[in-house]
Structure formats: structure tokens, C-alpha cells
Amino acid sequence: MDIYLQVLWKRKFVILLTTIITVAIIAVGTYRAESLYTASAKLRVVTYGLDRPDYNTFLYFENLATTFSVILDSFSVKQEARERLEVEELPDYEIAPIPNSELMEILATSPDPAFSQLTANTLAEILVEESRTQFGGVEGIEATLGTMIANMEERIDGLISERADLENRIPRDNARIEQITVEIAREQENYNRLQASYNEAIVAQATRANIVSVIEPARLPSESTGMNPIFLMVLGGVAGLAGGVALAFGLENTYPNLYNFKQLESATRSKIIGKIPRIKRRWRNNVFDGDTTASEAFRRLRVNVQTSMQQISQNTVLVTSPQSENHKATISLNLAISMALSQHRVLLIDGDIRKPSLHERFDLANTQGLSDLLKGATTLEESIKISRVPNLDFLPAGSFTTTSAELLGSDRLCELLDSLQRDYEFIVIDSAPLLAVTDSLVLAPHVGGVLMVVNMNSNRKMIESASDQLARVDPNVLGVVVADARDGQIVHSDYR
């Protein structure tokens, strides 16, 4: 868990930037988006023929809702609506059932709230009219039952007239009169039943004609539809944060970093012999002038280096790093000062010929130095400078050259180091970064020991690559010095 938190802290700017960009995109999109207003007209659907609501009732209601949706989407209805509204294009609309009720609503959405209201009410009116056209005609009833009733009335009237005529004749035909009376009673009974059926059919058809009715016309919408912009931005912030965290771990998987000492030792395949804490800018040229924590760390480093070199004939220490931002110059300078303060005669050499910096720490010019010695253009007496620190001398890098690797790999370098080792108890060489140029790889076989300066927050793959390159020349690696170390955590530094 601790490593995960360190990964998040390391990539905090990625997470923050991703979150800000996401919120900004949503904010701009919300600001630019056109406000839409939705009006709703509610309709009631009578599910005739189903006295008790059950599962079939709900299925039937859903079928009706689908039917009305198809009707509203038909060309004729759209054309009728366009003509009534006097527009060429209708706004977005839909019909949807209201759950657990006999109600449906027509929803119309438009940037103009009044137009949304008018569209919803117009479509509701057209749907009611269409339902009456589809389900409400009584012509069939009149053509069948109505005709039968009219014919039956005519027959009954004929029988009644015939019976009255027979009753006025002399002699009376009582047998025929009785027969006609029975026929009239039978026809009247049939007539009454047919009339009842006719009335029921008319009522049922009237119910079907009013299957859809508007119970609440659409009102003028006062608020735009869609989510609250503040809520959208909060939601975007959460999404951006989640995306930033995912991106941070994705970057970490691609460019893995080192977050504790165990990981660092595994990547370098060397032990840690020095842990240098953060050094304030004003003490970077000499921590022994006032930075007690850092000065104690360099004393420990000095002891570890001297102990490791007791059985080595050479007294030369090469300080290098995977890349230039690992503060090796500060480590080299203060290690040399620590050795000098312990009453050892020490020479500090700026071996980073292509990008020298130590002469600036001593406020010296870099006109003559190591490169000039190797070229035979100057002498030791002219090149070596006496520093303000007792027992510490300094050899600058010298004039710039693009052939520094060839100079450092020449026999003249070996002769120079042999000569210097007779005059100094310890020689500290600040060399170029391993991954930048080959200078350190050329120097490493000719020194007594190599120190690799690494930051805790360095890239694992970079450290492993530098260690592999160093291992190929088979040097005596004394160990690793951790810059900006504090309990294995990342500490930012403002020193060079």
C-alpha cells in the first residue's frame, strides 16, 4: 500500500492535470450546449373489455402504447402536425407509458419551451383524433343490427295491421287471429333482444371511440432538461480523478520507478553504502559549514568507502551516476571534503570533461585541467589548484573536447593516476553520467572503486541499464550512494 501511495504522489501532476482537463471539457461543453426544454402531455388509455386488471391487462396496455407510438411516428401524423404547427421540422418527441398506471405521456423536447408545449399538445390532439378514427365508427353497427331492427319493426307492424283487419271482418276468423297474436308476441320478443344487443354495441363502440383521452395538457416548462451543470462537473471531476489514477499506474507500469532501498539494491545489484539526505542550497558546496545532518551522512559514507578500499592497492574513487540529475557533483565534492577533514591528503578531479561544473563550486576558471594534461598541453603544477579546504586540492576538467573518451582511455591517463597516487592518499574523480557518454565506462577499469549515485525516484529501467553497462567493464563497484534519501522515501532537492 505504501508503494501505491508513493506512485500516486510521484504522478500527482498527471492525476491533477487529467482531472482539470476533464472538468474543463465538461464545463466548456455544458456552457456551449444549447438548453433544451421538455413538455409533457398526459393521456389516459381505457383498456376496454378487461374488467379485472391482471398480467394480460398490462400486456395489452403495452401493446396499445406501442401501437400509439407507431401511429405518432407515421408520415401522415407527422405531416398533420407540421401543418398545424406551421413548421418544416418537428422537434424530438416520444410517447411513453407511465409505470403502474393507465396513463401515457407525450414528451416533446425543443430549445423553445413554448414550442415544446405546443408540440406535445398538438400531438396529443392528433392521437385522440386518430384513435377515434381507428376505433370509433358506428357505421357497421347501423348497417347490420340497425337494418335488422328496422326490418323486424316492419314485420311486426304488418302483423298488427293484419290482425286488426281480421278482427273487423264478419264472420271473424278466430283461429287466424290467434295465430297472428302468437307471431306478434314472438317477433316482439326477438325485437326486444335485438334492441338490447344494438344498445350494448353502441355503448361498447362509444367506449372504444374514447379509448384515449387527454387528462393533463402539457404545461410551459420552466427548467431545462438534463443534469445540473455543477453535478456534471463534479461527476467529471470524479471520472477525471479515476482516469488520472489509472493513467498514473499505466505510466508507472511503462516507466517503473524505485521507491525503497530494497528495490534500489535489486536494480543496481549492489549494496547501499551511503544515504545522503536533502541538502539545502547554501550548504551544497560544503555541508560541513552548517548542515549537521548531511555532514554526518558524509562521514558515514567516508568510513564505508575507506573500509571498502583497505585491501585495494589503488586509492582512486570514481563517482558516477546513471544520468546528470543525480547530484553526483555534490556527492563527489563533499565526499572529498570529508576525507580531507579527516586529515587525509585528497585530490578532487573533475572528470566530466564534456560538462564540467566543479570549478564553479570553487570559483575557479576552467582554462587548464585534466583534458589539457592528457593532451600534453600543460603540467600538473599549472593545472592543480589548492582549495580553501585544508588538505584538499582540485584538478579542473580542462578545455572542452569531443574526444574525451579517447583521452580518458589513453596510456597517459594511467601514467597520470600512478603519479598522483604517490602524492595523495585519496583521489576522488567526478565522472560523466553512464547513460550520457562512455567516459565513465572507460575510466572505471583504471580506478580502485566505483560509487554510483542514484536518486530514490529514479526510473528502474534506467538504473538497470546503467548497472548492466557498468558491469560489462568489470569494475570494483564499492556500492550505491542514495541522494535525497529519507527513510526510503522520495525527497525533492534544490541542489545541483
Protein backbone atom coordinates (compact mmCIF):
# COMPACT_ATOMS: atom_id res chain seq x y z
CA MET A 1 0.00 0.00 0.00
CA ASP A 2 2.84 2.39 0.83
CA ILE A 3 4.34 1.93 -2.66
CA TYR A 4 0.95 2.64 -4.24
CA LEU A 5 0.71 5.90 -2.32
CA GLN A 6 4.21 6.84 -3.42
CA VAL A 7 3.29 6.11 -7.04
CA LEU A 8 0.27 8.39 -6.72
CA TRP A 9 2.37 11.11 -5.12
CA LYS A 10 5.02 10.79 -7.81
CA ARG A 11 2.39 11.09 -10.55
CA LYS A 12 0.24 13.66 -8.74
CA PHE A 13 0.62 16.21 -11.51
CA VAL A 14 -0.58 13.67 -14.09
CA ILE A 15 -3.63 12.95 -11.94
CA LEU A 16 -4.26 16.64 -11.30
CA LEU A 17 -3.86 17.58 -14.97
CA THR A 18 -6.17 14.76 -16.11
CA THR A 19 -8.82 15.83 -13.60
CA ILE A 20 -8.57 19.51 -14.58
CA ILE A 21 -8.77 18.74 -18.30
CA THR A 22 -11.82 16.50 -17.82
CA VAL A 23 -13.66 19.10 -15.73
CA ALA A 24 -12.70 21.84 -18.21
CA ILE A 25 -14.03 19.84 -21.18
CA ILE A 26 -17.33 19.21 -19.40
CA ALA A 27 -17.57 22.85 -18.31
CA VAL A 28 -16.96 24.13 -21.85
CA GLY A 29 -19.35 21.55 -23.31
CA THR A 30 -22.04 22.48 -20.77
CA TYR A 31 -21.56 26.19 -21.44
CA ARG A 32 -21.74 25.74 -25.20
CA ALA A 33 -24.56 23.19 -25.18
CA GLU A 34 -27.98 24.51 -26.16
CA SER A 35 -30.54 24.39 -23.35
CA LEU A 36 -33.43 22.05 -24.11
CA TYR A 37 -36.92 22.10 -22.62
CA THR A 38 -39.27 19.13 -22.43
CA ALA A 39 -43.06 19.44 -22.21
CA SER A 40 -45.29 16.51 -21.28
CA ALA A 41 -48.96 15.89 -22.18
CA LYS A 42 -50.57 13.06 -20.17
CA LEU A 43 -53.21 10.77 -21.70
CA ARG A 44 -55.43 8.04 -20.23
CA VAL A 45 -55.95 4.78 -22.08
CA VAL A 46 -59.12 2.78 -21.34
CA THR A 47 -58.39 -0.92 -21.65
CA TYR A 48 -61.92 -1.88 -22.64
CA GLY A 49 -63.04 -5.48 -22.41
CA LEU A 50 -60.79 -6.24 -19.41
CA ASP A 51 -62.84 -5.86 -16.23
CA ARG A 52 -60.19 -7.04 -13.78
CA PRO A 53 -56.56 -5.97 -14.12
CA ASP A 54 -54.14 -8.87 -14.45
CA TYR A 55 -50.95 -9.68 -16.31
CA ASN A 56 -52.81 -9.75 -19.63
CA THR A 57 -54.10 -6.25 -18.92
CA PHE A 58 -50.58 -4.90 -18.63
CA LEU A 59 -49.52 -6.73 -21.78
CA TYR A 60 -52.47 -5.26 -23.61
CA PHE A 61 -51.64 -1.79 -22.33
CA GLU A 62 -48.04 -2.13 -23.52
CA ASN A 63 -49.31 -3.22 -26.93
CA LEU A 64 -51.55 -0.17 -27.07
CA ALA A 65 -48.63 2.08 -26.14
CA THR A 66 -46.59 0.53 -28.93
CA THR A 67 -49.48 0.96 -31.36
CA PHE A 68 -49.88 4.63 -30.50
CA SER A 69 -46.14 5.16 -30.76
CA VAL A 70 -46.21 3.75 -34.30
CA ILE A 71 -49.19 5.96 -35.12
CA LEU A 72 -47.40 9.07 -33.89
CA ASP A 73 -44.33 8.14 -35.92
CA SER A 74 -46.29 7.65 -39.12
CA PHE A 75 -45.84 10.04 -42.02
CA SER A 76 -49.47 11.16 -42.05
CA VAL A 77 -49.41 12.14 -38.38
CA LYS A 78 -46.09 13.96 -38.77
CA GLN A 79 -47.40 15.78 -41.82
CA GLU A 80 -50.57 16.76 -39.97
CA ALA A 81 -48.54 18.02 -37.01
CA ARG A 82 -46.24 20.06 -39.27
CA GLU A 83 -49.22 21.66 -40.96
CA ARG A 84 -50.93 22.54 -37.68
CA LEU A 85 -47.72 23.89 -36.16
CA GLU A 86 -46.73 25.57 -39.44
CA VAL A 87 -43.17 24.28 -39.29
CA GLU A 88 -40.96 22.26 -41.61
CA GLU A 89 -39.32 20.14 -38.90
CA LEU A 90 -40.80 18.74 -35.72
CA PRO A 91 -38.76 18.70 -32.51
CA ASP A 92 -37.78 15.42 -30.88
CA TYR A 93 -40.76 13.67 -29.31
CA GLU A 94 -41.75 10.30 -27.94
CA ILE A 95 -44.67 8.53 -26.29
CA ALA A 96 -44.00 6.51 -23.15
CA PRO A 97 -46.24 4.63 -20.69
CA ILE A 98 -46.22 5.74 -17.06
CA PRO A 99 -45.45 2.63 -14.98
CA ASN A 100 -48.21 1.05 -12.88
CA SER A 101 -50.98 3.18 -14.36
CA GLU A 102 -53.31 3.54 -17.33
CA LEU A 103 -51.50 6.72 -18.31
CA MET A 104 -49.12 7.60 -21.10
CA GLU A 105 -47.28 10.81 -21.80
CA ILE A 106 -46.16 12.51 -24.96
CA LEU A 107 -42.80 14.21 -24.45
CA ALA A 108 -41.66 16.94 -26.81
CA THR A 109 -38.18 18.49 -26.47
CA SER A 110 -37.04 21.76 -28.04
CA PRO A 111 -34.80 24.76 -27.28
CA ASP A 112 -38.03 26.83 -27.23
CA PRO A 113 -40.16 25.91 -24.17
CA ALA A 114 -43.35 27.32 -25.76
CA PHE A 115 -42.77 25.27 -28.90
CA SER A 116 -42.24 22.15 -26.79
CA GLN A 117 -45.56 22.76 -25.06
CA LEU A 118 -47.43 23.42 -28.31
CA THR A 119 -45.93 20.34 -29.99
CA ALA A 120 -46.85 18.00 -27.12
CA ASN A 121 -50.46 19.27 -27.01
CA THR A 122 -50.82 19.14 -30.80
CA LEU A 123 -49.58 15.56 -30.98
CA ALA A 124 -51.93 14.60 -28.14
CA GLU A 125 -54.90 16.07 -30.03
CA ILE A 126 -53.93 14.26 -33.21
CA LEU A 127 -53.53 10.97 -31.34
CA VAL A 128 -57.00 11.29 -29.79
CA GLU A 129 -58.48 12.01 -33.22
CA GLU A 130 -56.63 9.07 -34.79
CA SER A 131 -57.87 6.72 -32.06
CA ARG A 132 -61.46 7.76 -32.72
CA THR A 133 -60.98 7.23 -36.43
CA GLN A 134 -59.44 3.81 -35.89
CA PHE A 135 -61.81 2.53 -33.18
CA GLY A 136 -64.87 4.78 -33.03
CA GLY A 137 -67.03 4.24 -36.21
CA VAL A 138 -70.68 3.04 -35.73
CA GLU A 139 -71.45 2.53 -39.43
CA GLY A 140 -71.02 -1.22 -39.16
CA ILE A 141 -73.49 -1.46 -36.32
CA GLU A 142 -76.07 0.59 -38.21
CA ALA A 143 -75.59 -1.49 -41.35
CA THR A 144 -76.20 -4.78 -39.57
CA LEU A 145 -78.15 -4.57 -36.31
CA GLY A 146 -79.86 -1.32 -37.32
CA THR A 147 -81.16 -2.86 -40.57
CA MET A 148 -82.36 -5.99 -38.77
CA ILE A 149 -84.27 -3.91 -36.21
CA ALA A 150 -85.90 -1.82 -38.96
CA ASN A 151 -86.99 -4.98 -40.85
CA MET A 152 -88.34 -6.52 -37.66
CA GLU A 153 -90.35 -3.38 -36.85
CA GLU A 154 -91.84 -3.52 -40.35
CA ARG A 155 -92.89 -7.16 -39.91
CA ILE A 156 -94.47 -6.51 -36.51
CA ASP A 157 -96.39 -3.55 -37.88
CA GLY A 158 -97.64 -5.73 -40.76
CA LEU A 159 -98.86 -8.45 -38.39
CA ILE A 160 -100.64 -5.92 -36.20
CA SER A 161 -102.41 -4.43 -39.26
CA GLU A 162 -103.44 -7.88 -40.49
CA ARG A 163 -104.85 -8.82 -37.05
CA ALA A 164 -106.86 -5.57 -36.84
CA ASP A 165 -108.31 -6.21 -40.30
CA LEU A 166 -109.37 -9.77 -39.34
CA GLU A 167 -110.98 -8.56 -36.13
CA ASN A 168 -113.25 -6.21 -38.17
CA ARG A 169 -114.44 -8.91 -40.59
CA ILE A 170 -117.71 -10.84 -40.22
CA PRO A 171 -117.56 -13.66 -39.73
CA ARG A 172 -114.34 -13.44 -37.67
CA ASP A 173 -111.53 -15.91 -38.31
CA ASN A 174 -110.63 -16.51 -34.68
CA ALA A 175 -108.13 -19.23 -35.46
CA ARG A 176 -106.09 -16.92 -37.70
CA ILE A 177 -106.37 -14.06 -35.23
CA GLU A 178 -104.96 -16.31 -32.51
CA GLN A 179 -102.10 -17.42 -34.78
CA ILE A 180 -101.18 -13.82 -35.64
CA THR A 181 -101.23 -12.86 -31.94
CA VAL A 182 -98.73 -15.61 -31.17
CA GLU A 183 -96.48 -14.47 -34.06
CA ILE A 184 -96.63 -10.85 -32.87
CA ALA A 185 -95.57 -11.91 -29.34
CA ARG A 186 -92.68 -14.00 -30.72
CA GLU A 187 -91.47 -11.18 -33.02
CA GLN A 188 -91.75 -8.64 -30.21
CA GLU A 189 -89.58 -10.81 -28.00
CA ASN A 190 -86.96 -11.12 -30.74
CA TYR A 191 -87.17 -7.41 -31.32
CA ASN A 192 -86.52 -6.63 -27.65
CA ARG A 193 -83.45 -8.87 -27.61
CA LEU A 194 -82.10 -7.36 -30.82
CA GLN A 195 -82.69 -3.84 -29.50
CA ALA A 196 -80.75 -4.69 -26.31
CA SER A 197 -77.84 -6.02 -28.40
CA TYR A 198 -77.92 -2.91 -30.52
CA ASN A 199 -77.75 -0.63 -27.47
CA GLU A 200 -74.87 -2.63 -25.98
CA ALA A 201 -72.94 -2.45 -29.27
CA ILE A 202 -73.44 1.31 -29.48
CA VAL A 203 -72.18 1.75 -25.89
CA ALA A 204 -69.19 -0.51 -26.49
CA GLN A 205 -68.31 1.34 -29.68
CA ALA A 206 -68.59 4.67 -27.90
CA THR A 207 -66.16 3.35 -25.28
CA ARG A 208 -63.77 2.27 -28.00
CA ALA A 209 -64.09 5.69 -29.59
CA ASN A 210 -62.88 7.26 -26.32
CA ILE A 211 -60.07 4.77 -25.66
CA VAL A 212 -57.56 7.69 -25.48
CA SER A 213 -58.27 10.97 -23.75
CA VAL A 214 -56.12 13.90 -22.63
CA ILE A 215 -56.24 14.25 -18.86
CA GLU A 216 -53.47 16.84 -18.47
CA PRO A 217 -52.34 19.10 -21.30
CA ALA A 218 -48.67 19.99 -21.49
CA ARG A 219 -47.59 22.98 -19.44
CA LEU A 220 -44.94 25.50 -20.29
CA PRO A 221 -41.62 24.02 -18.99
CA SER A 222 -39.70 26.42 -16.76
CA GLU A 223 -36.46 24.45 -16.35
CA SER A 224 -34.22 22.94 -18.98
CA THR A 225 -33.80 19.20 -19.14
CA GLY A 226 -30.54 17.38 -18.47
CA MET A 227 -28.30 17.14 -15.43
CA ASN A 228 -27.29 20.10 -13.31
CA PRO A 229 -24.03 21.61 -14.67
CA ILE A 230 -22.47 21.59 -11.20
CA PHE A 231 -23.34 17.92 -10.81
CA LEU A 232 -21.90 17.19 -14.25
CA MET A 233 -18.63 18.90 -13.36
CA VAL A 234 -18.42 17.04 -10.05
CA LEU A 235 -19.10 13.82 -11.91
CA GLY A 236 -16.45 14.80 -14.46
CA GLY A 237 -14.02 15.52 -11.63
CA VAL A 238 -14.57 12.05 -10.19
CA ALA A 239 -14.18 10.48 -13.63
CA GLY A 240 -11.07 12.56 -14.32
CA LEU A 241 -9.60 11.58 -10.97
CA ALA A 242 -10.23 7.91 -11.67
CA GLY A 243 -8.77 8.29 -15.16
CA GLY A 244 -5.75 10.13 -13.76
CA VAL A 245 -5.10 7.37 -11.23
CA ALA A 246 -5.38 4.75 -13.98
CA LEU A 247 -3.04 6.80 -16.18
CA ALA A 248 -0.57 7.19 -13.29
CA PHE A 249 -0.36 3.44 -12.77
CA GLY A 250 -0.17 2.93 -16.53
CA LEU A 251 2.82 5.27 -16.72
CA GLU A 252 4.34 3.56 -13.71
CA ASN A 253 3.98 0.22 -15.43
CA THR A 254 5.69 1.64 -18.54
CA TYR A 255 8.32 3.67 -16.67
CA PRO A 256 8.66 1.96 -13.26
CA ASN A 257 10.42 3.91 -10.53
CA LEU A 258 12.28 2.94 -7.37
CA TYR A 259 10.53 3.65 -4.07
CA ASN A 260 12.56 1.86 -1.40
CA PHE A 261 16.11 0.75 -0.68
CA LYS A 262 15.36 -2.91 -1.36
CA GLN A 263 14.18 -2.10 -4.90
CA LEU A 264 17.26 0.06 -5.46
CA GLU A 265 19.70 -2.65 -4.38
CA SER A 266 17.90 -5.14 -6.60
CA ALA A 267 18.10 -2.83 -9.63
CA THR A 268 21.80 -1.98 -9.14
CA ARG A 269 22.83 -5.42 -7.85
CA SER A 270 24.96 -3.53 -5.30
CA LYS A 271 24.70 -2.69 -1.63
CA ILE A 272 23.88 0.79 -0.37
CA ILE A 273 26.87 2.30 1.44
CA GLY A 274 25.64 5.87 1.71
CA LYS A 275 22.33 7.65 2.27
CA ILE A 276 22.62 11.37 1.73
CA PRO A 277 19.61 13.45 2.86
CA ARG A 278 18.34 16.57 1.22
CA ILE A 279 20.93 19.33 1.25
CA LYS A 280 19.91 22.97 1.34
CA ARG A 281 21.26 25.14 -1.46
CA ARG A 282 23.55 27.26 0.72
CA TRP A 283 25.36 24.16 2.07
CA ARG A 284 25.75 22.26 -1.19
CA ASN A 285 29.39 23.35 -1.70
CA ASN A 286 30.39 22.30 1.83
CA VAL A 287 27.88 20.62 4.12
CA PHE A 288 30.39 20.80 6.96
CA ASP A 289 29.85 24.56 7.15
CA GLY A 290 26.46 24.12 8.83
CA ASP A 291 24.34 21.15 7.65
CA THR A 292 24.85 18.75 10.55
CA THR A 293 22.55 16.02 9.22
CA ALA A 294 24.18 15.91 5.80
CA SER A 295 27.71 16.22 7.22
CA GLU A 296 27.11 13.19 9.44
CA ALA A 297 25.85 11.26 6.40
CA PHE A 298 29.06 12.07 4.50
CA ARG A 299 31.17 10.97 7.48
CA ARG A 300 29.41 7.59 7.36
CA LEU A 301 29.95 7.43 3.60
CA ARG A 302 33.66 8.25 4.06
CA VAL A 303 34.08 5.47 6.61
CA ASN A 304 32.31 2.95 4.38
CA VAL A 305 34.41 3.92 1.35
CA GLN A 306 37.69 3.80 3.25
CA THR A 307 36.76 0.44 4.78
CA SER A 308 35.89 -0.99 1.37
CA MET A 309 39.22 0.21 -0.10
CA GLN A 310 41.53 -1.03 2.68
CA GLN A 311 42.53 -4.15 0.74
CA ILE A 312 42.81 -2.37 -2.63
CA SER A 313 46.19 -1.15 -3.84
CA GLN A 314 44.68 1.85 -5.60
CA ASN A 315 43.25 4.78 -3.66
CA THR A 316 41.17 6.26 -6.51
CA VAL A 317 37.37 6.50 -6.24
CA LEU A 318 35.24 7.16 -9.31
CA VAL A 319 31.85 8.78 -8.66
CA THR A 320 29.30 8.42 -11.44
CA SER A 321 25.53 8.22 -11.92
CA PRO A 322 23.04 6.94 -14.50
CA GLN A 323 22.13 10.46 -15.58
CA SER A 324 23.11 14.05 -14.90
CA GLU A 325 20.35 14.98 -12.48
CA ASN A 326 21.53 12.57 -9.77
CA HIS A 327 23.61 15.25 -7.94
CA LYS A 328 26.87 13.33 -8.29
CA ALA A 329 28.92 16.56 -8.35
CA THR A 330 27.67 17.50 -4.88
CA ILE A 331 28.32 13.96 -3.63
CA SER A 332 31.86 13.94 -5.10
CA LEU A 333 32.73 17.36 -3.67
CA ASN A 334 31.51 16.69 -0.15
CA LEU A 335 32.98 13.18 -0.03
CA ALA A 336 36.37 14.67 -0.92
CA ILE A 337 35.91 17.39 1.74
CA SER A 338 35.00 14.75 4.33
CA MET A 339 38.17 12.78 3.55
CA ALA A 340 40.29 15.94 3.71
CA LEU A 341 38.82 16.93 7.08
CA SER A 342 39.85 13.53 8.44
CA GLN A 343 43.49 14.60 7.89
CA HIS A 344 43.97 12.79 4.57
CA ARG A 345 45.62 14.47 1.64
CA VAL A 346 42.92 14.40 -1.06
CA LEU A 347 42.71 15.36 -4.74
CA LEU A 348 39.32 16.03 -6.33
CA ILE A 349 39.32 15.64 -10.12
CA ASP A 350 36.52 16.91 -12.36
CA GLY A 351 36.44 14.04 -14.85
CA ASP A 352 33.22 15.22 -16.51
CA ILE A 353 35.12 16.87 -19.35
CA ARG A 354 32.14 17.44 -21.62
CA LYS A 355 30.00 19.09 -18.96
CA PRO A 356 32.21 20.25 -16.07
CA SER A 357 30.76 22.01 -13.03
CA LEU A 358 33.09 21.61 -10.04
CA HIS A 359 35.26 24.60 -10.98
CA GLU A 360 32.21 26.80 -10.39
CA ARG A 361 31.96 25.42 -6.84
CA PHE A 362 35.50 26.63 -6.18
CA ASP A 363 35.02 29.91 -8.09
CA LEU A 364 37.88 28.94 -10.41
CA ALA A 365 38.42 29.20 -14.14
CA ASN A 366 38.42 26.06 -16.26
CA THR A 367 41.16 27.11 -18.65
CA GLN A 368 43.62 24.34 -17.78
CA GLY A 369 42.89 20.90 -16.40
CA LEU A 370 42.58 17.17 -16.96
CA SER A 371 41.95 17.27 -20.71
CA ASP A 372 44.91 19.58 -21.23
CA LEU A 373 47.16 17.30 -19.15
CA LEU A 374 46.12 14.28 -21.23
CA LYS A 375 46.88 16.23 -24.40
CA GLY A 376 50.28 17.24 -23.03
CA ALA A 377 49.36 20.92 -23.30
CA THR A 378 50.07 21.78 -19.64
CA THR A 379 51.73 20.50 -16.48
CA LEU A 380 50.44 19.25 -13.13
CA GLU A 381 51.84 22.30 -11.36
CA GLU A 382 49.88 24.60 -13.66
CA SER A 383 46.66 22.59 -13.52
CA ILE A 384 46.18 21.54 -9.88
CA LYS A 385 44.54 24.19 -7.68
CA ILE A 386 44.69 24.50 -3.91
CA SER A 387 41.22 24.83 -2.39
CA ARG A 388 40.09 26.71 0.71
CA VAL A 389 39.58 23.34 2.47
CA PRO A 390 42.75 22.14 4.20
CA ASN A 391 44.33 19.01 2.62
CA LEU A 392 42.10 19.27 -0.46
CA ASP A 393 43.43 20.04 -3.93
CA PHE A 394 41.39 20.33 -7.11
CA LEU A 395 42.08 19.41 -10.73
CA PRO A 396 39.53 21.03 -13.13
CA ALA A 397 38.19 19.24 -16.20
CA GLY A 398 40.08 21.48 -18.57
CA SER A 399 39.20 22.69 -22.02
CA PHE A 400 36.26 21.11 -23.80
CA THR A 401 36.84 18.30 -26.28
CA THR A 402 34.64 15.87 -28.13
CA THR A 403 37.32 13.15 -27.83
CA SER A 404 37.14 12.91 -24.03
CA ALA A 405 36.56 9.12 -24.14
CA GLU A 406 39.72 8.61 -26.19
CA LEU A 407 41.77 10.81 -23.85
CA LEU A 408 40.47 9.03 -20.74
CA GLY A 409 41.26 5.65 -22.29
CA SER A 410 44.86 6.53 -23.21
CA ASP A 411 48.05 5.30 -21.55
CA ARG A 412 48.73 8.88 -20.49
CA LEU A 413 45.76 8.65 -18.04
CA CYS A 414 47.23 5.55 -16.34
CA GLU A 415 50.58 7.32 -16.03
CA LEU A 416 48.86 10.39 -14.59
CA LEU A 417 46.91 8.37 -11.98
CA ASP A 418 50.07 6.46 -10.97
CA SER A 419 51.85 9.75 -10.45
CA LEU A 420 49.01 11.31 -8.47
CA GLN A 421 48.59 8.29 -6.19
CA ARG A 422 52.12 8.84 -4.90
CA ASP A 423 51.23 12.38 -3.83
CA TYR A 424 47.67 11.88 -2.46
CA GLU A 425 46.11 9.42 -0.01
CA PHE A 426 42.75 9.56 -1.80
CA ILE A 427 41.72 10.68 -5.25
CA VAL A 428 38.02 11.34 -5.96
CA ILE A 429 37.04 11.60 -9.62
CA ASP A 430 33.67 13.10 -10.51
CA SER A 431 32.89 11.45 -13.85
CA ALA A 432 30.26 11.82 -16.56
CA PRO A 433 26.84 10.06 -16.34
CA LEU A 434 26.87 6.45 -17.52
CA LEU A 435 23.93 6.75 -19.91
CA ALA A 436 25.02 10.07 -21.41
CA VAL A 437 28.54 9.26 -22.66
CA THR A 438 31.07 6.42 -22.41
CA ASP A 439 33.64 8.37 -20.36
CA SER A 440 32.84 6.66 -17.05
CA LEU A 441 32.95 3.21 -18.64
CA VAL A 442 36.42 4.00 -19.99
CA LEU A 443 37.63 5.26 -16.61
CA ALA A 444 36.07 2.54 -14.40
CA PRO A 445 38.68 -0.24 -15.02
CA HIS A 446 41.56 2.12 -14.07
CA VAL A 447 40.33 3.14 -10.59
CA GLY A 448 40.24 1.38 -7.25
CA GLY A 449 36.49 1.59 -6.77
CA VAL A 450 33.30 2.97 -8.27
CA LEU A 451 30.42 4.70 -6.49
CA MET A 452 27.09 5.01 -8.29
CA VAL A 453 24.92 7.92 -7.16
CA VAL A 454 21.20 7.22 -7.56
CA ASN A 455 18.04 9.06 -6.62
CA MET A 456 15.25 7.19 -4.88
CA ASN A 457 12.75 8.34 -7.51
CA SER A 458 14.82 7.20 -10.48
CA ASN A 459 13.45 5.08 -13.27
CA ARG A 460 14.08 1.38 -12.63
CA LYS A 461 14.78 0.54 -16.26
CA MET A 462 17.29 3.39 -16.50
CA ILE A 463 19.10 2.23 -13.34
CA GLU A 464 19.19 -1.37 -14.56
CA SER A 465 20.55 -0.26 -17.96
CA ALA A 466 23.31 1.82 -16.32
CA SER A 467 24.22 -1.06 -13.98
CA ASP A 468 24.38 -3.50 -16.88
CA GLN A 469 26.72 -1.22 -18.83
CA LEU A 470 28.96 -0.74 -15.80
CA ALA A 471 29.07 -4.49 -15.11
CA ARG A 472 30.38 -5.20 -18.62
CA VAL A 473 33.70 -3.45 -17.87
CA ASP A 474 34.03 -5.46 -14.63
CA PRO A 475 34.92 -2.61 -12.25
CA ASN A 476 35.20 -2.78 -8.47
CA VAL A 477 31.82 -1.34 -7.53
CA LEU A 478 32.05 -0.18 -3.92
CA GLY A 479 28.32 0.37 -3.67
CA VAL A 480 25.46 2.78 -4.21
CA VAL A 481 25.04 6.25 -2.71
CA VAL A 482 21.40 7.31 -2.41
CA ALA A 483 20.84 11.02 -2.94
CA ASP A 484 17.86 12.74 -1.34
CA ALA A 485 17.28 9.76 0.95
CA ARG A 486 14.98 9.88 3.94
CA ASP A 487 13.59 6.60 5.22
CA GLY A 488 13.47 5.31 1.67
CA GLN A 489 11.03 7.97 0.61
CA ILE A 490 11.27 10.45 -2.25
CA VAL A 491 12.65 13.80 -1.14
CA HIS A 492 12.94 16.72 -3.54
CA SER A 493 16.21 18.61 -3.65
CA ASP A 494 17.14 22.06 -4.80
CA TYR A 495 20.88 21.43 -5.09
CA ARG A 496 22.70 20.63 -8.27
